[in-house]
Amino acid sequence: MDFSLNQEQEMFRNYVRKYLDDVGQTKVAREFTEGNTSSFQGLYAGLAELGCASVNVSDAYGGMGLGQLDLVPILEETGRALLPGLFLETNALVVPLLEKFGTEEQKAKYLSAIASGEHTFTIAWLEPGGNYKPSNVQLHGTLDGDVLTLNGVKALVPDVELANSLLVLVRTAEGKGTEGISLVIVDCDEALQVQPQKNIDETRLLAEVTFHHVQVSSQQIVGTVHQGWDALQEGLLSFNAALCSTIVGSMEKIVETAVEYANIREQFNQPIGRFQAIKHRLVDMKMDLETARSLAYYANWAIESDAADKVEAVSSARLFATEAFIKVASQNIQIHGGIGFTEEIDCHLYVKRARFYENYLGSTQQYYEQAAVALGW
């Protein structure tokens, strides 16, 4: 079975790459780390004009109505450029959730704005000192008629200042299990207290968000009240498949950079790429890249075709890709030697992004467990 991208998808990839080349690839990420977000805002608007934001939005809401696989070339190219922002969370998590569980009012309000590139989402899940398990969702939501009042704190929320809305995990019924958790959309024009937090990856801005008697309409609940955890797991399958493609793009750029440097850097009057230690390391990096690519393609195909093995496909791809990303990014620094540790070279940017993704929206241990359960082990 051939899981490679078709001609139209590869053509769209070329358009996206040319656009990102024109704006300097990682130049935007570097400016972002220095506090200059204006260049990113312009870049995102340009990507929206190309149609990136509307790819998997239904045509009824101004999108192209395409599938998960059509996101792959975009995700790989944004991974190459270490694109900041919330494209992944918005299009790979929130869009599938709204398409499947959203009300007509929610779809009309948010999907149309997402398709035009005017609206982005972030996810507020973790709480101070907590983890990604359902028992740690303790931000409390009290329903009184059509009003939902939120009280609590979310930590390590990515890129709040770039988001128009938050997808928030809320405890709407007593308990510590999966029952009683709801997914709630909170628009950023509500009275939220935002405190920036430090992050190893400076291209992703983290913040602590405090909800103090924040009131939203019960119409902002996505799916069935108290049943948000199951809906979230469905959305995470799409998200993790997409995340793997983003990682593949980053790994591809790393391998290209390492090979190029090995060909131009000379020791003992010959390129270091001729030395066996470097050759073997480059081959291992390339093998990890192609394995991650194959797993990512299959995971995205499994999501689009609703294959019976989609859970194990996505879990396996997520596990391998995140671990291979760390290994390949680290080896790239070793190949570059002393200069690989400097800020002038992009090596450190990829290492930081790899570490950021390692435990993003789920720990490695959780995905090992998920894969084992799905495989019946």
Protein backbone atom coordinates (compact mmCIF):
# COMPACT_ATOMS: atom_id res chain seq x y z
CA MET A 1 0.00 0.00 0.00
CA ASP A 2 1.35 3.44 -0.99
CA PHE A 3 1.07 6.08 1.74
CA SER A 4 3.10 8.74 -0.08
CA LEU A 5 1.51 12.11 -0.79
CA ASN A 6 -0.18 12.68 -4.14
CA GLN A 7 0.84 15.21 -6.77
CA GLU A 8 -1.54 17.93 -5.58
CA GLN A 9 -0.34 17.62 -2.00
CA GLU A 10 3.30 17.83 -3.05
CA MET A 11 2.50 20.85 -5.21
CA PHE A 12 0.90 22.59 -2.25
CA ARG A 13 3.98 21.73 -0.18
CA ASN A 14 6.14 23.55 -2.74
CA TYR A 15 3.98 26.68 -2.42
CA VAL A 16 4.28 26.63 1.37
CA ARG A 17 8.03 26.00 1.29
CA LYS A 18 8.62 28.80 -1.20
CA TYR A 19 6.66 31.18 1.00
CA LEU A 20 8.59 30.16 4.12
CA ASP A 21 11.88 30.40 2.22
CA ASP A 22 10.98 33.95 1.20
CA VAL A 23 10.46 34.96 4.85
CA GLY A 24 13.69 33.32 5.96
CA GLN A 25 12.56 29.99 7.42
CA THR A 26 13.82 30.01 11.05
CA LYS A 27 14.39 33.78 10.91
CA VAL A 28 10.81 34.30 12.11
CA ALA A 29 11.33 31.89 15.01
CA ARG A 30 14.51 33.72 16.01
CA GLU A 31 12.75 37.09 15.94
CA PHE A 32 9.94 35.58 17.99
CA THR A 33 12.38 34.55 20.74
CA GLU A 34 13.53 38.18 20.88
CA GLY A 35 9.99 39.43 21.48
CA ASN A 36 9.22 40.49 17.92
CA THR A 37 5.88 38.83 17.16
CA SER A 38 4.87 41.19 14.35
CA SER A 39 6.81 39.26 11.70
CA PHE A 40 5.06 36.06 12.81
CA GLN A 41 1.65 37.69 12.60
CA GLY A 42 2.38 38.74 9.04
CA LEU A 43 3.67 35.27 8.20
CA TYR A 44 0.54 33.60 9.59
CA ALA A 45 -1.67 35.93 7.57
CA GLY A 46 0.28 34.93 4.46
CA LEU A 47 -0.17 31.24 5.20
CA ALA A 48 -3.90 31.84 5.64
CA GLU A 49 -4.01 33.52 2.22
CA LEU A 50 -2.39 30.41 0.76
CA GLY A 51 -5.26 28.42 2.25
CA CYS A 52 -3.37 26.60 5.01
CA ALA A 53 -5.85 27.53 7.73
CA SER A 54 -8.86 26.34 5.73
CA VAL A 55 -7.60 22.95 4.51
CA ASN A 56 -9.52 20.69 6.90
CA VAL A 57 -12.46 23.02 7.59
CA SER A 58 -15.74 21.97 5.97
CA ASP A 59 -16.67 23.85 2.81
CA ALA A 60 -19.96 24.85 4.49
CA TYR A 61 -17.90 27.12 6.75
CA GLY A 62 -15.54 28.56 4.15
CA GLY A 63 -12.95 25.79 4.18
CA MET A 64 -11.68 23.36 1.56
CA GLY A 65 -13.27 20.33 3.18
CA LEU A 66 -10.12 18.21 2.81
CA GLY A 67 -8.79 15.55 5.17
CA GLN A 68 -6.03 14.85 7.65
CA LEU A 69 -3.52 13.82 4.98
CA ASP A 70 -3.84 17.19 3.27
CA LEU A 71 -2.48 18.83 6.42
CA VAL A 72 0.70 16.73 6.26
CA PRO A 73 2.71 18.82 3.74
CA ILE A 74 1.83 22.03 5.60
CA LEU A 75 2.80 20.55 8.94
CA GLU A 76 6.11 19.22 7.64
CA GLU A 77 7.01 22.61 6.22
CA THR A 78 6.07 24.49 9.38
CA GLY A 79 8.16 21.95 11.30
CA ARG A 80 11.17 22.69 9.09
CA ALA A 81 10.84 26.39 9.87
CA LEU A 82 10.05 25.86 13.60
CA LEU A 83 7.00 28.03 13.05
CA PRO A 84 5.77 29.62 16.30
CA GLY A 85 2.08 29.95 17.03
CA LEU A 86 -1.00 27.81 17.28
CA PHE A 87 -1.58 26.31 13.84
CA LEU A 88 -1.18 22.78 15.20
CA GLU A 89 -3.53 23.28 18.17
CA THR A 90 -6.11 25.13 16.08
CA ASN A 91 -6.30 23.01 12.93
CA ALA A 92 -5.23 19.60 14.20
CA LEU A 93 -7.08 19.59 17.54
CA VAL A 94 -9.87 22.15 17.74
CA VAL A 95 -11.10 21.86 14.15
CA PRO A 96 -11.63 18.05 14.33
CA LEU A 97 -13.31 18.47 17.73
CA LEU A 98 -15.69 21.15 16.47
CA GLU A 99 -16.42 19.25 13.26
CA LYS A 100 -17.41 16.15 15.24
CA PHE A 101 -18.82 17.46 18.51
CA GLY A 102 -19.57 21.17 17.99
CA THR A 103 -23.04 22.66 17.71
CA GLU A 104 -24.12 24.45 14.56
CA GLU A 105 -23.70 27.78 16.36
CA GLN A 106 -20.16 26.89 17.45
CA LYS A 107 -19.21 25.75 13.95
CA ALA A 108 -20.61 28.88 12.32
CA LYS A 109 -18.87 31.14 14.84
CA TYR A 110 -15.46 29.52 15.05
CA LEU A 111 -14.81 27.37 11.97
CA SER A 112 -15.47 30.22 9.56
CA ALA A 113 -13.08 32.47 11.49
CA ILE A 114 -10.43 29.72 11.64
CA ALA A 115 -10.70 29.12 7.88
CA SER A 116 -10.05 32.80 7.19
CA GLY A 117 -7.01 32.81 9.49
CA GLU A 118 -8.63 35.30 11.87
CA HIS A 119 -9.08 32.97 14.85
CA THR A 120 -6.72 30.65 16.71
CA PHE A 121 -7.10 28.41 19.74
CA THR A 122 -4.83 27.27 22.52
CA ILE A 123 -5.53 24.52 25.04
CA ALA A 124 -5.63 25.00 28.81
CA TRP A 125 -5.18 21.57 30.38
CA LEU A 126 -2.38 21.33 32.97
CA GLU A 127 -2.79 22.77 36.45
CA PRO A 128 -0.04 23.81 38.89
CA GLY A 129 1.84 20.75 40.12
CA GLY A 130 -0.40 18.44 38.13
CA ASN A 131 -0.13 16.18 35.11
CA TYR A 132 -2.21 15.16 32.10
CA LYS A 133 -4.27 12.54 33.95
CA PRO A 134 -8.01 13.22 34.37
CA SER A 135 -7.73 13.23 38.17
CA ASN A 136 -5.67 16.42 37.98
CA VAL A 137 -8.39 18.43 36.23
CA GLN A 138 -9.69 20.47 39.16
CA LEU A 139 -10.57 23.86 37.63
CA HIS A 140 -14.18 24.03 38.81
CA GLY A 141 -17.18 24.89 36.67
CA THR A 142 -20.59 25.60 38.25
CA LEU A 143 -23.65 25.44 36.01
CA ASP A 144 -26.52 27.75 36.94
CA GLY A 145 -29.10 27.74 34.20
CA ASP A 146 -27.37 28.86 31.01
CA VAL A 147 -24.35 30.30 32.83
CA LEU A 148 -21.16 28.38 33.61
CA THR A 149 -18.91 29.99 36.23
CA LEU A 150 -15.23 28.99 36.18
CA ASN A 151 -12.83 29.15 39.11
CA GLY A 152 -9.29 27.80 39.16
CA VAL A 153 -5.85 28.03 37.60
CA LYS A 154 -4.33 26.52 34.47
CA ALA A 155 -0.55 26.38 34.04
CA LEU A 156 1.81 26.10 31.07
CA VAL A 157 -0.85 27.25 28.63
CA PRO A 158 0.87 27.77 25.27
CA ASP A 159 0.79 31.09 23.41
CA VAL A 160 -2.16 32.67 25.19
CA GLU A 161 -1.22 36.10 23.88
CA LEU A 162 -1.53 34.82 20.30
CA ALA A 163 -4.85 33.03 20.86
CA ASN A 164 -8.37 34.32 20.37
CA SER A 165 -9.92 31.50 22.41
CA LEU A 166 -8.96 28.81 24.90
CA LEU A 167 -10.18 25.23 24.91
CA VAL A 168 -10.37 24.55 28.65
CA LEU A 169 -10.73 21.27 30.54
CA VAL A 170 -13.19 21.94 33.36
CA ARG A 171 -14.43 19.78 36.25
CA THR A 172 -18.21 20.31 36.01
CA ALA A 173 -19.16 17.42 38.32
CA GLU A 174 -17.58 16.06 41.48
CA GLY A 175 -15.08 13.25 41.16
CA LYS A 176 -11.55 12.50 40.07
CA GLY A 177 -12.07 10.23 37.08
CA THR A 178 -12.97 10.91 33.47
CA GLU A 179 -16.64 11.46 34.34
CA GLY A 180 -17.50 15.05 35.09
CA ILE A 181 -14.94 16.73 32.80
CA SER A 182 -16.24 19.13 30.17
CA LEU A 183 -14.55 20.91 27.27
CA VAL A 184 -15.36 24.61 27.34
CA ILE A 185 -14.46 27.36 24.88
CA VAL A 186 -13.45 30.57 26.65
CA ASP A 187 -12.84 33.60 24.46
CA CYS A 188 -9.83 35.69 25.38
CA ASP A 189 -11.93 38.84 25.77
CA GLU A 190 -13.17 37.41 29.07
CA ALA A 191 -11.62 38.64 32.34
CA LEU A 192 -8.64 36.30 32.46
CA GLN A 193 -5.53 36.87 34.55
CA VAL A 194 -2.45 35.85 32.57
CA GLN A 195 1.01 35.46 34.10
CA PRO A 196 3.92 34.57 31.73
CA GLN A 197 6.00 31.51 32.60
CA LYS A 198 9.47 30.48 31.47
CA ASN A 199 9.92 27.82 28.82
CA ILE A 200 12.96 25.99 27.49
CA ASP A 201 11.64 26.56 23.96
CA GLU A 202 11.45 30.31 23.57
CA THR A 203 9.47 29.98 20.33
CA ARG A 204 6.51 28.82 22.47
CA LEU A 205 5.23 31.29 25.06
CA LEU A 206 3.80 29.66 28.19
CA ALA A 207 1.55 31.30 30.75
CA GLU A 208 -0.44 30.65 33.89
CA VAL A 209 -4.09 31.60 33.45
CA THR A 210 -6.32 32.31 36.45
CA PHE A 211 -10.10 32.01 36.16
CA HIS A 212 -11.79 33.99 38.94
CA HIS A 213 -15.57 33.87 38.64
CA VAL A 214 -15.27 33.87 34.85
CA GLN A 215 -18.75 33.41 33.41
CA VAL A 216 -19.46 31.95 30.01
CA SER A 217 -22.58 30.64 28.35
CA SER A 218 -23.33 26.93 28.66
CA GLN A 219 -23.51 27.05 24.84
CA GLN A 220 -19.69 27.23 24.93
CA ILE A 221 -19.45 23.60 26.09
CA VAL A 222 -18.15 21.38 23.27
CA GLY A 223 -20.03 18.10 23.03
CA THR A 224 -21.97 16.66 25.96
CA VAL A 225 -21.55 18.20 29.39
CA HIS A 226 -19.52 16.01 31.79
CA GLN A 227 -18.33 13.88 28.83
CA GLY A 228 -15.50 16.05 27.54
CA TRP A 229 -12.69 13.61 28.33
CA ASP A 230 -13.80 11.07 25.73
CA ALA A 231 -14.21 13.79 23.13
CA LEU A 232 -10.73 15.09 23.92
CA GLN A 233 -9.21 11.65 23.35
CA GLU A 234 -10.73 11.62 19.86
CA GLY A 235 -9.25 15.04 19.16
CA LEU A 236 -5.85 14.00 20.51
CA LEU A 237 -5.61 11.23 17.92
CA SER A 238 -5.79 13.84 15.15
CA PHE A 239 -3.47 16.15 17.05
CA ASN A 240 -0.77 13.54 17.68
CA ALA A 241 -0.81 12.31 14.09
CA ALA A 242 -0.36 15.91 12.98
CA LEU A 243 2.35 16.50 15.60
CA CYS A 244 4.32 13.57 14.17
CA SER A 245 4.28 15.19 10.73
CA THR A 246 5.51 18.46 12.23
CA ILE A 247 8.35 16.58 13.91
CA VAL A 248 9.22 14.85 10.62
CA GLY A 249 9.63 18.27 9.00
CA SER A 250 11.99 19.37 11.75
CA MET A 251 13.99 16.14 11.55
CA GLU A 252 14.30 16.45 7.78
CA LYS A 253 15.79 19.93 8.11
CA ILE A 254 18.18 18.72 10.83
CA VAL A 255 19.46 15.87 8.66
CA GLU A 256 19.93 18.20 5.69
CA THR A 257 21.85 20.65 7.85
CA ALA A 258 24.06 17.93 9.35
CA VAL A 259 24.91 16.47 5.94
CA GLU A 260 25.69 19.89 4.51
CA TYR A 261 28.00 20.73 7.42
CA ALA A 262 29.73 17.35 7.22
CA ASN A 263 30.53 18.06 3.57
CA ILE A 264 32.01 21.54 4.09
CA ARG A 265 33.74 21.20 7.47
CA GLU A 266 37.27 19.91 6.99
CA GLN A 267 39.74 18.24 9.33
CA PHE A 268 43.06 16.71 8.26
CA ASN A 269 42.48 18.18 4.77
CA GLN A 270 39.24 16.32 4.11
CA PRO A 271 35.52 16.77 4.88
CA ILE A 272 34.52 15.28 8.23
CA GLY A 273 31.74 13.44 6.40
CA ARG A 274 34.38 11.00 5.17
CA PHE A 275 35.13 9.85 8.71
CA GLN A 276 33.40 6.64 9.68
CA ALA A 277 32.12 7.98 13.00
CA ILE A 278 30.31 10.82 11.21
CA LYS A 279 29.09 8.62 8.34
CA HIS A 280 27.49 6.12 10.68
CA ARG A 281 25.84 8.85 12.74
CA LEU A 282 24.38 10.50 9.63
CA VAL A 283 23.02 7.16 8.41
CA ASP A 284 21.38 6.52 11.77
CA MET A 285 19.81 9.98 11.66
CA LYS A 286 18.47 9.36 8.16
CA MET A 287 17.05 5.98 9.18
CA ASP A 288 15.28 7.56 12.16
CA LEU A 289 13.87 10.26 9.86
CA GLU A 290 12.47 7.82 7.31
CA THR A 291 11.02 5.55 10.00
CA ALA A 292 9.31 8.52 11.64
CA ARG A 293 8.02 9.66 8.25
CA SER A 294 6.52 6.24 7.48
CA LEU A 295 4.87 6.00 10.88
CA ALA A 296 3.53 9.56 10.60
CA TYR A 297 2.09 8.97 7.13
CA TYR A 298 0.37 5.80 8.29
CA ALA A 299 -0.97 7.48 11.43
CA ASN A 300 -2.50 10.33 9.42
CA TRP A 301 -3.92 7.87 6.88
CA ALA A 302 -5.42 5.82 9.73
CA ILE A 303 -7.13 8.92 11.11
CA GLU A 304 -8.49 10.00 7.73
CA SER A 305 -9.76 6.52 6.84
CA ASP A 306 -10.92 5.75 10.42
CA ALA A 307 -8.88 2.54 10.40
CA ALA A 308 -9.45 -0.05 13.10
CA ASP A 309 -5.86 0.28 14.30
CA LYS A 310 -5.77 4.08 14.43
CA VAL A 311 -5.10 4.26 18.18
CA GLU A 312 -2.04 2.01 18.07
CA ALA A 313 -0.88 3.65 14.83
CA VAL A 314 -0.98 7.14 16.33
CA SER A 315 0.47 6.09 19.70
CA SER A 316 3.37 4.24 18.06
CA ALA A 317 4.11 7.15 15.72
CA ARG A 318 4.00 9.67 18.57
CA LEU A 319 6.35 7.60 20.72
CA PHE A 320 8.92 6.99 18.02
CA ALA A 321 8.82 10.49 16.54
CA THR A 322 9.25 12.37 19.83
CA GLU A 323 12.14 10.16 20.95
CA ALA A 324 13.82 10.18 17.53
CA PHE A 325 13.49 13.98 17.35
CA ILE A 326 15.45 14.38 20.58
CA LYS A 327 18.12 11.93 19.44
CA VAL A 328 18.57 13.42 15.97
CA ALA A 329 18.62 17.01 17.26
CA SER A 330 21.24 16.07 19.87
CA GLN A 331 23.42 14.26 17.34
CA ASN A 332 23.28 17.30 15.09
CA ILE A 333 24.95 19.37 17.80
CA GLN A 334 27.68 16.74 18.18
CA ILE A 335 28.35 16.76 14.43
CA HIS A 336 28.66 20.55 14.47
CA GLY A 337 31.10 20.37 17.37
CA GLY A 338 31.74 23.47 19.42
CA ILE A 339 29.86 25.77 17.05
CA GLY A 340 26.75 23.62 17.52
CA PHE A 341 26.35 24.99 21.05
CA THR A 342 26.31 28.63 19.94
CA GLU A 343 23.22 30.75 19.39
CA GLU A 344 24.38 31.69 15.88
CA ILE A 345 23.58 28.18 14.61
CA ASP A 346 20.01 26.82 14.57
CA CYS A 347 20.95 23.51 16.24
CA HIS A 348 19.84 24.62 19.70
CA LEU A 349 16.43 25.75 18.44
CA TYR A 350 15.60 22.23 17.27
CA VAL A 351 16.84 20.63 20.48
CA LYS A 352 14.62 22.93 22.53
CA ARG A 353 11.60 22.23 20.34
CA ALA A 354 12.26 18.49 20.62
CA ARG A 355 12.31 18.71 24.41
CA PHE A 356 9.14 20.81 24.39
CA TYR A 357 7.26 18.17 22.40
CA GLU A 358 8.59 15.29 24.52
CA ASN A 359 5.80 15.61 27.09
CA TYR A 360 3.39 17.94 25.31
CA LEU A 361 -0.30 17.02 25.85
CA GLY A 362 0.70 13.68 27.35
CA SER A 363 3.80 12.05 28.78
CA THR A 364 5.90 9.41 27.06
CA GLN A 365 4.83 6.89 29.69
CA GLN A 366 1.16 7.59 28.99
CA TYR A 367 1.61 6.95 25.28
CA TYR A 368 3.50 3.73 25.97
CA GLU A 369 0.55 2.60 28.07
CA GLN A 370 -1.94 3.70 25.41
CA ALA A 371 -0.07 1.80 22.71
CA ALA A 372 0.17 -1.32 24.88
CA VAL A 373 -3.56 -1.29 25.66
CA ALA A 374 -4.46 -0.71 22.01
CA LEU A 375 -2.24 -3.63 20.95
CA GLY A 376 -3.82 -5.85 23.60
CA TRP A 377 -0.58 -6.43 25.49
